[in-house]
PDB file of N, CA and C in Angstrom:
ATOM      1  N   MET A   1      -6.336 -33.663   2.673  1.00  0.00           N
ATOM      2  CA  MET A   1      -7.904 -33.009   2.804  1.00  0.00           C
ATOM      3  C   MET A   1      -6.791 -31.464   2.486  1.00  0.00           C
ATOM      4  N   ASN A   2      -7.949 -30.619   1.943  1.00  0.00           N
ATOM      5  CA  ASN A   2      -7.742 -29.504   1.182  1.00  0.00           C
ATOM      6  C   ASN A   2      -8.431 -28.402   1.988  1.00  0.00           C
ATOM      7  N   PRO A   3      -7.799 -27.442   2.651  1.00  0.00           N
ATOM      8  CA  PRO A   3      -8.150 -26.364   3.902  1.00  0.00           C
ATOM      9  C   PRO A   3      -8.869 -25.506   3.140  1.00  0.00           C
ATOM     10  N   LEU A   4      -9.965 -25.171   3.540  1.00  0.00           N
ATOM     11  CA  LEU A   4     -11.074 -24.035   2.859  1.00  0.00           C
ATOM     12  C   LEU A   4     -10.948 -22.863   3.708  1.00  0.00           C
ATOM     13  N   TYR A   5     -10.340 -21.489   3.298  1.00  0.00           N
ATOM     14  CA  TYR A   5      -9.975 -20.326   3.697  1.00  0.00           C
ATOM     15  C   TYR A   5     -10.839 -19.470   3.601  1.00  0.00           C
ATOM     16  N   PHE A   6     -11.417 -19.174   4.446  1.00  0.00           N
ATOM     17  CA  PHE A   6     -12.582 -18.234   3.912  1.00  0.00           C
ATOM     18  C   PHE A   6     -12.119 -16.515   4.922  1.00  0.00           C
ATOM     19  N   ASP A   7     -10.776 -16.513   5.292  1.00  0.00           N
ATOM     20  CA  ASP A   7     -10.643 -14.930   5.875  1.00  0.00           C
ATOM     21  C   ASP A   7      -9.820 -14.057   4.939  1.00  0.00           C
ATOM     22  N   ASN A   8      -9.964 -14.385   3.530  1.00  0.00           N
ATOM     23  CA  ASN A   8      -9.327 -13.450   2.487  1.00  0.00           C
ATOM     24  C   ASN A   8      -9.515 -11.579   2.759  1.00  0.00           C
ATOM     25  N   ASN A   9     -10.291 -11.529   3.635  1.00  0.00           N
ATOM     26  CA  ASN A   9     -10.653  -9.781   3.862  1.00  0.00           C
ATOM     27  C   ASN A   9      -9.600  -9.528   4.737  1.00  0.00           C
ATOM     28  N   ALA A  10      -8.469 -10.691   5.603  1.00  0.00           N
ATOM     29  CA  ALA A  10      -7.558 -10.715   6.640  1.00  0.00           C
ATOM     30  C   ALA A  10      -6.028 -11.114   5.640  1.00  0.00           C
ATOM     31  N   THR A  11      -6.242 -12.023   5.305  1.00  0.00           N
ATOM     32  CA  THR A  11      -4.637 -12.436   4.074  1.00  0.00           C
ATOM     33  C   THR A  11      -5.477 -13.321   2.982  1.00  0.00           C
ATOM     34  N   THR A  12      -4.924 -13.385   2.132  1.00  0.00           N
ATOM     35  CA  THR A  12      -5.142 -13.574   1.035  1.00  0.00           C
ATOM     36  C   THR A  12      -3.754 -14.429   0.347  1.00  0.00           C
ATOM     37  N   ARG A  13      -4.018 -15.656   0.246  1.00  0.00           N
ATOM     38  CA  ARG A  13      -2.655 -16.546  -0.911  1.00  0.00           C
ATOM     39  C   ARG A  13      -2.261 -15.690  -1.646  1.00  0.00           C
ATOM     40  N   VAL A  14      -0.787 -15.747  -1.540  1.00  0.00           N
ATOM     41  CA  VAL A  14      -0.208 -15.272  -2.963  1.00  0.00           C
ATOM     42  C   VAL A  14      -0.071 -16.247  -4.008  1.00  0.00           C
ATOM     43  N   ALA A  15      -0.591 -15.448  -5.546  1.00  0.00           N
ATOM     44  CA  ALA A  15      -0.637 -16.404  -6.262  1.00  0.00           C
ATOM     45  C   ALA A  15       1.287 -16.432  -6.781  1.00  0.00           C
ATOM     46  N   PRO A  16       0.730 -17.823  -7.210  1.00  0.00           N
ATOM     47  CA  PRO A  16       2.068 -18.854  -7.293  1.00  0.00           C
ATOM     48  C   PRO A  16       3.182 -17.482  -8.767  1.00  0.00           C
ATOM     49  N   GLU A  17       2.555 -17.368  -9.414  1.00  0.00           N
ATOM     50  CA  GLU A  17       3.516 -16.405 -10.335  1.00  0.00           C
ATOM     51  C   GLU A  17       3.949 -15.210  -9.696  1.00  0.00           C
ATOM     52  N   VAL A  18       2.923 -14.626  -8.684  1.00  0.00           N
ATOM     53  CA  VAL A  18       3.885 -13.382  -7.847  1.00  0.00           C
ATOM     54  C   VAL A  18       4.806 -13.970  -7.102  1.00  0.00           C
ATOM     55  N   VAL A  19       4.544 -14.924  -6.276  1.00  0.00           N
ATOM     56  CA  VAL A  19       5.654 -15.602  -5.422  1.00  0.00           C
ATOM     57  C   VAL A  19       7.220 -15.861  -6.168  1.00  0.00           C
ATOM     58  N   GLU A  20       7.064 -15.956  -7.619  1.00  0.00           N
ATOM     59  CA  GLU A  20       8.413 -16.583  -8.682  1.00  0.00           C
ATOM     60  C   GLU A  20       8.799 -14.858  -8.618  1.00  0.00           C
ATOM     61  N   SER A  21       7.729 -14.214  -9.189  1.00  0.00           N
ATOM     62  CA  SER A  21       7.996 -12.502  -9.498  1.00  0.00           C
ATOM     63  C   SER A  21       9.307 -11.881  -8.089  1.00  0.00           C
ATOM     64  N   MET A  22       8.509 -12.325  -7.238  1.00  0.00           N
ATOM     65  CA  MET A  22       9.070 -11.319  -5.762  1.00  0.00           C
ATOM     66  C   MET A  22      10.379 -12.020  -5.122  1.00  0.00           C
ATOM     67  N   LEU A  23      10.456 -13.407  -5.697  1.00  0.00           N
ATOM     68  CA  LEU A  23      11.939 -14.481  -4.921  1.00  0.00           C
ATOM     69  C   LEU A  23      13.074 -13.577  -4.846  1.00  0.00           C
ATOM     70  N   PRO A  24      13.417 -13.341  -5.933  1.00  0.00           N
ATOM     71  CA  PRO A  24      14.882 -12.678  -6.062  1.00  0.00           C
ATOM     72  C   PRO A  24      14.939 -11.020  -5.154  1.00  0.00           C
ATOM     73  N   TYR A  25      14.312 -10.667  -4.812  1.00  0.00           N
ATOM     74  CA  TYR A  25      13.448  -9.724  -3.992  1.00  0.00           C
ATOM     75  C   TYR A  25      13.736 -10.293  -2.838  1.00  0.00           C
ATOM     76  N   PHE A  26      13.641 -11.369  -2.072  1.00  0.00           N
ATOM     77  CA  PHE A  26      14.033 -11.424  -0.834  1.00  0.00           C
ATOM     78  C   PHE A  26      15.509 -12.520  -0.995  1.00  0.00           C
ATOM     79  N   THR A  27      16.028 -13.108  -1.647  1.00  0.00           N
ATOM     80  CA  THR A  27      17.032 -13.592  -1.585  1.00  0.00           C
ATOM     81  C   THR A  27      18.248 -12.542  -2.455  1.00  0.00           C
ATOM     82  N   GLU A  28      18.062 -12.040  -3.389  1.00  0.00           N
ATOM     83  CA  GLU A  28      19.563 -11.377  -4.051  1.00  0.00           C
ATOM     84  C   GLU A  28      19.126  -9.728  -3.803  1.00  0.00           C
ATOM     85  N   TYR A  29      17.877  -9.602  -4.245  1.00  0.00           N
ATOM     86  CA  TYR A  29      18.163  -7.820  -4.460  1.00  0.00           C
ATOM     87  C   TYR A  29      17.098  -7.556  -2.736  1.00  0.00           C
ATOM     88  N   TYR A  30      18.062  -7.476  -1.998  1.00  0.00           N
ATOM     89  CA  TYR A  30      17.040  -7.419  -0.807  1.00  0.00           C
ATOM     90  C   TYR A  30      17.693  -5.805  -0.150  1.00  0.00           C
ATOM     91  N   GLY A  31      18.309  -4.854  -0.760  1.00  0.00           N
ATOM     92  CA  GLY A  31      18.993  -3.549  -0.243  1.00  0.00           C
ATOM     93  C   GLY A  31      17.642  -2.678  -0.370  1.00  0.00           C
ATOM     94  N   ASN A  32      17.988  -1.760   0.751  1.00  0.00           N
ATOM     95  CA  ASN A  32      17.359  -0.189   0.738  1.00  0.00           C
ATOM     96  C   ASN A  32      17.207   0.181  -0.189  1.00  0.00           C
ATOM     97  N   PRO A  33      15.770   0.427  -1.279  1.00  0.00           N
ATOM     98  CA  PRO A  33      15.897   1.189  -2.284  1.00  0.00           C
ATOM     99  C   PRO A  33      16.289   2.228  -2.370  1.00  0.00           C
ATOM    100  N   SER A  34      16.122   2.870  -0.966  1.00  0.00           N
ATOM    101  CA  SER A  34      16.372   4.319  -0.694  1.00  0.00           C
ATOM    102  C   SER A  34      17.817   4.915  -0.594  1.00  0.00           C
ATOM    103  N   SER A  35      18.635   3.934  -0.615  1.00  0.00           N
ATOM    104  CA  SER A  35      19.905   3.811  -0.351  1.00  0.00           C
ATOM    105  C   SER A  35      20.784   4.411  -1.579  1.00  0.00           C
ATOM    106  N   MET A  36      22.299   5.159  -1.084  1.00  0.00           N
ATOM    107  CA  MET A  36      22.537   5.839  -2.047  1.00  0.00           C
ATOM    108  C   MET A  36      23.614   4.949  -2.985  1.00  0.00           C
ATOM    109  N   HIS A  37      23.858   3.974  -2.131  1.00  0.00           N
ATOM    110  CA  HIS A  37      25.078   2.664  -3.087  1.00  0.00           C
ATOM    111  C   HIS A  37      24.306   1.880  -4.243  1.00  0.00           C
ATOM    112  N   THR A  38      25.208   1.208  -5.032  1.00  0.00           N
ATOM    113  CA  THR A  38      24.579   0.692  -6.115  1.00  0.00           C
ATOM    114  C   THR A  38      23.561  -0.882  -5.625  1.00  0.00           C
ATOM    115  N   PHE A  39      23.729  -1.478  -4.820  1.00  0.00           N
ATOM    116  CA  PHE A  39      23.236  -2.359  -4.156  1.00  0.00           C
ATOM    117  C   PHE A  39      21.818  -2.282  -3.990  1.00  0.00           C
ATOM    118  N   GLY A  40      21.521  -0.721  -3.219  1.00  0.00           N
ATOM    119  CA  GLY A  40      20.430  -0.636  -3.027  1.00  0.00           C
ATOM    120  C   GLY A  40      19.611   0.127  -4.336  1.00  0.00           C
ATOM    121  N   GLY A  41      20.280   0.928  -5.003  1.00  0.00           N
ATOM    122  CA  GLY A  41      20.146   1.706  -6.134  1.00  0.00           C
ATOM    123  C   GLY A  41      19.301   0.948  -7.219  1.00  0.00           C
ATOM    124  N   THR A  42      19.614  -0.537  -7.529  1.00  0.00           N
ATOM    125  CA  THR A  42      19.445  -1.541  -8.227  1.00  0.00           C
ATOM    126  C   THR A  42      17.646  -1.866  -7.618  1.00  0.00           C
ATOM    127  N   VAL A  43      17.510  -1.756  -6.754  1.00  0.00           N
ATOM    128  CA  VAL A  43      16.744  -2.013  -6.077  1.00  0.00           C
ATOM    129  C   VAL A  43      15.450  -1.232  -6.182  1.00  0.00           C
ATOM    130  N   GLY A  44      16.105   0.226  -6.234  1.00  0.00           N
ATOM    131  CA  GLY A  44      15.144   1.446  -6.210  1.00  0.00           C
ATOM    132  C   GLY A  44      14.723   1.682  -7.423  1.00  0.00           C
ATOM    133  N   ARG A  45      15.524   1.127  -8.893  1.00  0.00           N
ATOM    134  CA  ARG A  45      15.214   1.474 -10.351  1.00  0.00           C
ATOM    135  C   ARG A  45      13.914   0.379 -10.324  1.00  0.00           C
ATOM    136  N   GLN A  46      14.152  -0.847  -9.859  1.00  0.00           N
ATOM    137  CA  GLN A  46      13.303  -1.670 -10.005  1.00  0.00           C
ATOM    138  C   GLN A  46      11.742  -1.667  -9.609  1.00  0.00           C
ATOM    139  N   ILE A  47      11.716  -0.757  -8.744  1.00  0.00           N
ATOM    140  CA  ILE A  47      10.325  -0.282  -7.714  1.00  0.00           C
ATOM    141  C   ILE A  47      10.171   0.887  -8.726  1.00  0.00           C
ATOM    142  N   ASN A  48      10.950   1.277  -9.420  1.00  0.00           N
ATOM    143  CA  ASN A  48      10.857   2.520 -10.329  1.00  0.00           C
ATOM    144  C   ASN A  48      10.154   2.173 -11.930  1.00  0.00           C
ATOM    145  N   ASP A  49      10.496   1.029 -11.947  1.00  0.00           N
ATOM    146  CA  ASP A  49      10.057   0.744 -12.917  1.00  0.00           C
ATOM    147  C   ASP A  49       8.669  -0.544 -13.357  1.00  0.00           C
ATOM    148  N   ALA A  50       8.304  -0.874 -11.964  1.00  0.00           N
ATOM    149  CA  ALA A  50       7.423  -1.469 -11.375  1.00  0.00           C
ATOM    150  C   ALA A  50       6.237  -0.566 -11.223  1.00  0.00           C
ATOM    151  N   ARG A  51       6.190   0.737 -10.973  1.00  0.00           N
ATOM    152  CA  ARG A  51       5.590   1.668 -10.404  1.00  0.00           C
ATOM    153  C   ARG A  51       5.243   2.084 -12.200  1.00  0.00           C
ATOM    154  N   ALA A  52       6.017   2.634 -12.907  1.00  0.00           N
ATOM    155  CA  ALA A  52       5.284   2.965 -14.472  1.00  0.00           C
ATOM    156  C   ALA A  52       5.122   2.196 -15.052  1.00  0.00           C
ATOM    157  N   LYS A  53       5.255   0.540 -14.844  1.00  0.00           N
ATOM    158  CA  LYS A  53       4.549  -0.480 -15.603  1.00  0.00           C
ATOM    159  C   LYS A  53       3.193  -0.347 -14.819  1.00  0.00           C
ATOM    160  N   LEU A  54       2.755  -0.427 -13.620  1.00  0.00           N
ATOM    161  CA  LEU A  54       1.153  -0.178 -13.014  1.00  0.00           C
ATOM    162  C   LEU A  54       0.686   0.493 -13.249  1.00  0.00           C
ATOM    163  N   ALA A  55       1.226   2.265 -13.484  1.00  0.00           N
ATOM    164  CA  ALA A  55       0.886   3.353 -14.082  1.00  0.00           C
ATOM    165  C   ALA A  55       0.064   2.989 -15.165  1.00  0.00           C
ATOM    166  N   ASP A  56       0.733   2.805 -16.035  1.00  0.00           N
ATOM    167  CA  ASP A  56       0.272   2.440 -18.002  1.00  0.00           C
ATOM    168  C   ASP A  56      -0.583   1.329 -17.718  1.00  0.00           C
ATOM    169  N   LEU A  57      -0.451   0.438 -16.802  1.00  0.00           N
ATOM    170  CA  LEU A  57      -1.643  -0.686 -17.068  1.00  0.00           C
ATOM    171  C   LEU A  57      -3.047  -0.149 -16.396  1.00  0.00           C
ATOM    172  N   ILE A  58      -3.092   1.205 -15.545  1.00  0.00           N
ATOM    173  CA  ILE A  58      -4.323   1.672 -15.415  1.00  0.00           C
ATOM    174  C   ILE A  58      -4.534   2.742 -15.805  1.00  0.00           C
ATOM    175  N   GLY A  59      -3.676   3.430 -16.524  1.00  0.00           N
ATOM    176  CA  GLY A  59      -3.809   4.923 -17.281  1.00  0.00           C
ATOM    177  C   GLY A  59      -3.666   5.860 -16.218  1.00  0.00           C
ATOM    178  N   ALA A  60      -2.859   5.984 -15.585  1.00  0.00           N
ATOM    179  CA  ALA A  60      -2.461   6.930 -14.620  1.00  0.00           C
ATOM    180  C   ALA A  60      -0.496   7.233 -14.527  1.00  0.00           C
ATOM    181  N   SER A  61      -0.356   7.922 -13.898  1.00  0.00           N
ATOM    182  CA  SER A  61       1.251   8.576 -14.222  1.00  0.00           C
ATOM    183  C   SER A  61       2.002   7.760 -13.032  1.00  0.00           C
ATOM    184  N   PRO A  62       2.981   7.693 -13.032  1.00  0.00           N
ATOM    185  CA  PRO A  62       3.778   7.246 -11.953  1.00  0.00           C
ATOM    186  C   PRO A  62       4.116   7.226 -11.086  1.00  0.00           C
ATOM    187  N   GLU A  63       3.804   9.058 -11.050  1.00  0.00           N
ATOM    188  CA  GLU A  63       3.650  10.075  -9.680  1.00  0.00           C
ATOM    189  C   GLU A  63       2.572   9.499  -8.894  1.00  0.00           C
ATOM    190  N   GLU A  64       1.693   8.816  -9.336  1.00  0.00           N
ATOM    191  CA  GLU A  64       0.360   8.766  -8.797  1.00  0.00           C
ATOM    192  C   GLU A  64       0.478   7.883  -8.041  1.00  0.00           C
ATOM    193  N   ILE A  65       0.944   6.657  -8.064  1.00  0.00           N
ATOM    194  CA  ILE A  65       1.334   5.336  -8.060  1.00  0.00           C
ATOM    195  C   ILE A  65       2.085   5.463  -6.512  1.00  0.00           C
ATOM    196  N   VAL A  66       1.187   5.179  -5.226  1.00  0.00           N
ATOM    197  CA  VAL A  66       2.175   4.881  -4.049  1.00  0.00           C
ATOM    198  C   VAL A  66       2.480   3.833  -3.446  1.00  0.00           C
ATOM    199  N   PHE A  67       3.516   2.860  -3.147  1.00  0.00           N
ATOM    200  CA  PHE A  67       3.464   1.650  -2.649  1.00  0.00           C
ATOM    201  C   PHE A  67       3.366   1.690  -0.952  1.00  0.00           C
ATOM    202  N   THR A  68       2.509   0.555  -0.736  1.00  0.00           N
ATOM    203  CA  THR A  68       2.688   0.993   0.958  1.00  0.00           C
ATOM    204  C   THR A  68       3.012  -0.471   1.700  1.00  0.00           C
ATOM    205  N   SER A  69       2.830  -0.532   2.883  1.00  0.00           N
ATOM    206  CA  SER A  69       3.397  -1.758   3.558  1.00  0.00           C
ATOM    207  C   SER A  69       2.517  -2.490   3.658  1.00  0.00           C
ATOM    208  N   CYS A  70       1.285  -1.954   4.314  1.00  0.00           N
ATOM    209  CA  CYS A  70       0.120  -2.681   4.600  1.00  0.00           C
ATOM    210  C   CYS A  70      -1.139  -1.946   4.308  1.00  0.00           C
ATOM    211  N   GLY A  71      -2.150  -2.731   4.806  1.00  0.00           N
ATOM    212  CA  GLY A  71      -3.644  -2.720   4.802  1.00  0.00           C
ATOM    213  C   GLY A  71      -3.701  -0.760   5.472  1.00  0.00           C
ATOM    214  N   THR A  72      -3.120  -1.004   6.765  1.00  0.00           N
ATOM    215  CA  THR A  72      -3.403  -0.015   7.529  1.00  0.00           C
ATOM    216  C   THR A  72      -3.030   1.514   7.148  1.00  0.00           C
ATOM    217  N   GLU A  73      -1.537   1.449   6.552  1.00  0.00           N
ATOM    218  CA  GLU A  73      -0.963   2.391   5.778  1.00  0.00           C
ATOM    219  C   GLU A  73      -1.873   2.788   4.611  1.00  0.00           C
ATOM    220  N   SER A  74      -1.977   2.137   3.672  1.00  0.00           N
ATOM    221  CA  SER A  74      -2.838   2.445   2.493  1.00  0.00           C
ATOM    222  C   SER A  74      -4.359   2.936   2.962  1.00  0.00           C
ATOM    223  N   ASP A  75      -4.901   2.589   4.090  1.00  0.00           N
ATOM    224  CA  ASP A  75      -6.034   3.637   4.546  1.00  0.00           C
ATOM    225  C   ASP A  75      -5.586   4.796   4.806  1.00  0.00           C
ATOM    226  N   SER A  76      -4.592   4.783   6.236  1.00  0.00           N
ATOM    227  CA  SER A  76      -4.572   6.015   6.325  1.00  0.00           C
ATOM    228  C   SER A  76      -3.983   7.024   5.206  1.00  0.00           C
ATOM    229  N   THR A  77      -3.734   6.545   4.576  1.00  0.00           N
ATOM    230  CA  THR A  77      -2.496   7.387   3.070  1.00  0.00           C
ATOM    231  C   THR A  77      -4.432   7.937   2.975  1.00  0.00           C
ATOM    232  N   ALA A  78      -4.975   6.923   2.115  1.00  0.00           N
ATOM    233  CA  ALA A  78      -5.959   7.359   1.105  1.00  0.00           C
ATOM    234  C   ALA A  78      -7.097   8.171   1.578  1.00  0.00           C
ATOM    235  N   ILE A  79      -7.072   8.108   3.438  1.00  0.00           N
ATOM    236  CA  ILE A  79      -7.717   9.405   4.187  1.00  0.00           C
ATOM    237  C   ILE A  79      -7.400  10.783   4.154  1.00  0.00           C
ATOM    238  N   MET A  80      -6.139  10.631   4.119  1.00  0.00           N
ATOM    239  CA  MET A  80      -5.410  11.701   4.674  1.00  0.00           C
ATOM    240  C   MET A  80      -4.927  12.471   3.482  1.00  0.00           C
ATOM    241  N   ALA A  81      -4.623  11.834   2.257  1.00  0.00           N
ATOM    242  CA  ALA A  81      -5.162  12.468   0.968  1.00  0.00           C
ATOM    243  C   ALA A  81      -6.037  13.298   0.845  1.00  0.00           C
ATOM    244  N   ALA A  82      -7.043  12.580   0.806  1.00  0.00           N
ATOM    245  CA  ALA A  82      -8.688  12.855   0.703  1.00  0.00           C
ATOM    246  C   ALA A  82      -8.763  14.403   1.720  1.00  0.00           C
ATOM    247  N   LEU A  83      -8.415  14.093   2.644  1.00  0.00           N
ATOM    248  CA  LEU A  83      -8.542  15.424   3.621  1.00  0.00           C
ATOM    249  C   LEU A  83      -7.500  16.521   3.344  1.00  0.00           C
ATOM    250  N   ARG A  84      -6.134  16.131   2.666  1.00  0.00           N
ATOM    251  CA  ARG A  84      -5.732  17.181   1.961  1.00  0.00           C
ATOM    252  C   ARG A  84      -6.167  17.515   0.400  1.00  0.00           C
ATOM    253  N   SER A  85      -6.949  17.123  -0.259  1.00  0.00           N
ATOM    254  CA  SER A  85      -7.404  17.424  -1.421  1.00  0.00           C
ATOM    255  C   SER A  85      -8.702  18.168  -0.908  1.00  0.00           C
ATOM    256  N   ASN A  86      -9.440  18.184   0.092  1.00  0.00           N
ATOM    257  CA  ASN A  86     -10.602  18.949   0.232  1.00  0.00           C
ATOM    258  C   ASN A  86     -10.402  19.197   1.487  1.00  0.00           C
ATOM    259  N   PRO A  87      -9.742  20.670   1.692  1.00  0.00           N
ATOM    260  CA  PRO A  87      -9.361  21.074   3.379  1.00  0.00           C
ATOM    261  C   PRO A  87     -10.452  21.522   3.804  1.00  0.00           C
ATOM    262  N   ASP A  88     -11.590  22.020   2.991  1.00  0.00           N
ATOM    263  CA  ASP A  88     -12.914  22.642   3.795  1.00  0.00           C
ATOM    264  C   ASP A  88     -13.613  21.398   4.145  1.00  0.00           C
ATOM    265  N   LYS A  89     -13.389  20.437   4.028  1.00  0.00           N
ATOM    266  CA  LYS A  89     -14.387  19.530   4.497  1.00  0.00           C
ATOM    267  C   LYS A  89     -13.685  19.247   5.897  1.00  0.00           C
ATOM    268  N   LYS A  90     -14.576  18.431   6.485  1.00  0.00           N
ATOM    269  CA  LYS A  90     -14.610  18.463   8.205  1.00  0.00           C
ATOM    270  C   LYS A  90     -15.197  17.523   8.583  1.00  0.00           C
ATOM    271  N   HIS A  91     -15.614  15.925   7.846  1.00  0.00           N
ATOM    272  CA  HIS A  91     -16.431  15.462   8.326  1.00  0.00           C
ATOM    273  C   HIS A  91     -16.006  14.304   7.311  1.00  0.00           C
ATOM    274  N   ILE A  92     -15.804  13.153   8.417  1.00  0.00           N
ATOM    275  CA  ILE A  92     -15.822  11.979   7.525  1.00  0.00           C
ATOM    276  C   ILE A  92     -17.166  11.012   8.533  1.00  0.00           C
ATOM    277  N   ILE A  93     -17.685  10.177   7.727  1.00  0.00           N
ATOM    278  CA  ILE A  93     -18.959   9.076   8.427  1.00  0.00           C
ATOM    279  C   ILE A  93     -18.330   7.749   8.297  1.00  0.00           C
ATOM    280  N   THR A  94     -18.313   7.318   9.612  1.00  0.00           N
ATOM    281  CA  THR A  94     -18.174   5.623   9.348  1.00  0.00           C
ATOM    282  C   THR A  94     -19.235   4.894   9.871  1.00  0.00           C
ATOM    283  N   SER A  95     -19.152   3.644  10.185  1.00  0.00           N
ATOM    284  CA  SER A  95     -19.990   2.962  10.845  1.00  0.00           C
ATOM    285  C   SER A  95     -19.619   1.911  11.825  1.00  0.00           C
ATOM    286  N   ARG A  96     -20.358   1.406  12.794  1.00  0.00           N
ATOM    287  CA  ARG A  96     -20.324   0.810  13.988  1.00  0.00           C
ATOM    288  C   ARG A  96     -19.353  -0.787  13.174  1.00  0.00           C
ATOM    289  N   VAL A  97     -19.410  -0.728  12.035  1.00  0.00           N
ATOM    290  CA  VAL A  97     -18.470  -2.246  11.489  1.00  0.00           C
ATOM    291  C   VAL A  97     -17.079  -1.752  10.949  1.00  0.00           C
ATOM    292  N   GLU A  98     -16.815  -0.602  10.809  1.00  0.00           N
ATOM    293  CA  GLU A  98     -15.420  -0.076  10.003  1.00  0.00           C
ATOM    294  C   GLU A  98     -14.479  -1.189  11.040  1.00  0.00           C
ATOM    295  N   HIS A  99     -13.495  -1.301   9.860  1.00  0.00           N
ATOM    296  CA  HIS A  99     -12.309  -1.924  10.508  1.00  0.00           C
ATOM    297  C   HIS A  99     -11.634  -0.703  11.346  1.00  0.00           C
ATOM    298  N   PRO A 100     -10.793  -1.126  12.408  1.00  0.00           N
ATOM    299  CA  PRO A 100      -9.822  -0.639  13.501  1.00  0.00           C
ATOM    300  C   PRO A 100      -9.031   0.189  12.837  1.00  0.00           C
ATOM    301  N   ALA A 101      -8.536   0.036  11.726  1.00  0.00           N
ATOM    302  CA  ALA A 101      -7.781   0.674  10.944  1.00  0.00           C
ATOM    303  C   ALA A 101      -8.378   2.173  10.313  1.00  0.00           C
ATOM    304  N   ILE A 102      -9.325   2.451  10.010  1.00  0.00           N
ATOM    305  CA  ILE A 102      -9.970   3.709   9.561  1.00  0.00           C
ATOM    306  C   ILE A 102     -10.549   4.013  11.135  1.00  0.00           C
ATOM    307  N   LYS A 103     -11.718   3.239  11.933  1.00  0.00           N
ATOM    308  CA  LYS A 103     -11.834   3.970  13.143  1.00  0.00           C
ATOM    309  C   LYS A 103     -10.997   3.886  13.706  1.00  0.00           C
ATOM    310  N   ASN A 104      -9.610   3.911  14.058  1.00  0.00           N
ATOM    311  CA  ASN A 104      -8.610   4.537  14.911  1.00  0.00           C
ATOM    312  C   ASN A 104      -8.640   5.803  14.553  1.00  0.00           C
ATOM    313  N   LEU A 105      -8.189   5.669  13.218  1.00  0.00           N
ATOM    314  CA  LEU A 105      -7.741   7.302  12.298  1.00  0.00           C
ATOM    315  C   LEU A 105      -8.680   8.184  12.892  1.00  0.00           C
ATOM    316  N   CYS A 106      -9.796   7.746  12.453  1.00  0.00           N
ATOM    317  CA  CYS A 106     -11.157   8.954  12.479  1.00  0.00           C
ATOM    318  C   CYS A 106     -11.530   9.312  14.198  1.00  0.00           C
ATOM    319  N   GLU A 107     -11.176   8.295  15.035  1.00  0.00           N
ATOM    320  CA  GLU A 107     -10.672   8.791  16.157  1.00  0.00           C
ATOM    321  C   GLU A 107      -9.733  10.275  16.497  1.00  0.00           C
ATOM    322  N   TYR A 108      -8.761   9.359  16.148  1.00  0.00           N
ATOM    323  CA  TYR A 108      -7.807  10.373  16.645  1.00  0.00           C
ATOM    324  C   TYR A 108      -7.960  11.712  15.601  1.00  0.00           C
ATOM    325  N   LEU A 109      -8.119  11.784  13.941  1.00  0.00           N
ATOM    326  CA  LEU A 109      -8.956  13.088  13.443  1.00  0.00           C
ATOM    327  C   LEU A 109     -10.028  13.673  14.511  1.00  0.00           C
ATOM    328  N   ALA A 110     -10.571  13.123  15.255  1.00  0.00           N
ATOM    329  CA  ALA A 110     -11.473  13.809  15.808  1.00  0.00           C
ATOM    330  C   ALA A 110     -11.608  14.330  16.642  1.00  0.00           C
ATOM    331  N   LYS A 111     -10.769  13.868  17.511  1.00  0.00           N
ATOM    332  CA  LYS A 111      -9.902  14.422  18.665  1.00  0.00           C
ATOM    333  C   LYS A 111      -8.923  15.443  18.228  1.00  0.00           C
ATOM    334  N   THR A 112      -8.426  15.842  16.970  1.00  0.00           N
ATOM    335  CA  THR A 112      -6.957  16.802  16.841  1.00  0.00           C
ATOM    336  C   THR A 112      -7.649  17.572  15.862  1.00  0.00           C
ATOM    337  N   GLY A 113      -9.145  17.553  15.878  1.00  0.00           N
ATOM    338  CA  GLY A 113      -9.557  18.285  14.908  1.00  0.00           C
ATOM    339  C   GLY A 113      -9.651  18.444  13.719  1.00  0.00           C
TER     340      GLY A 113
END
């Protein structure tokens, strides 16, 4: 029996072509892309190439592409960028059903002004 998975809001199966593309980064190219050594530098260049391809695909500049490690970091990055871009704005409106990643950040921001 094939399972039916309905919680794609939390985790989604990775497409086979993505798994295939990513396998070398789990087995061969696992160096720290921020490192000064060649092993990590190779990964850093590949990340920059991916950033440029993605930017071209969506009509952005590579500097506008930010890779994050998870949904919480993505949410926080987007909210903080919006706040920095609009320093005169002091209100964020959410709802009771807001995801904890947003709710917790908004509560923190409310406490810190």
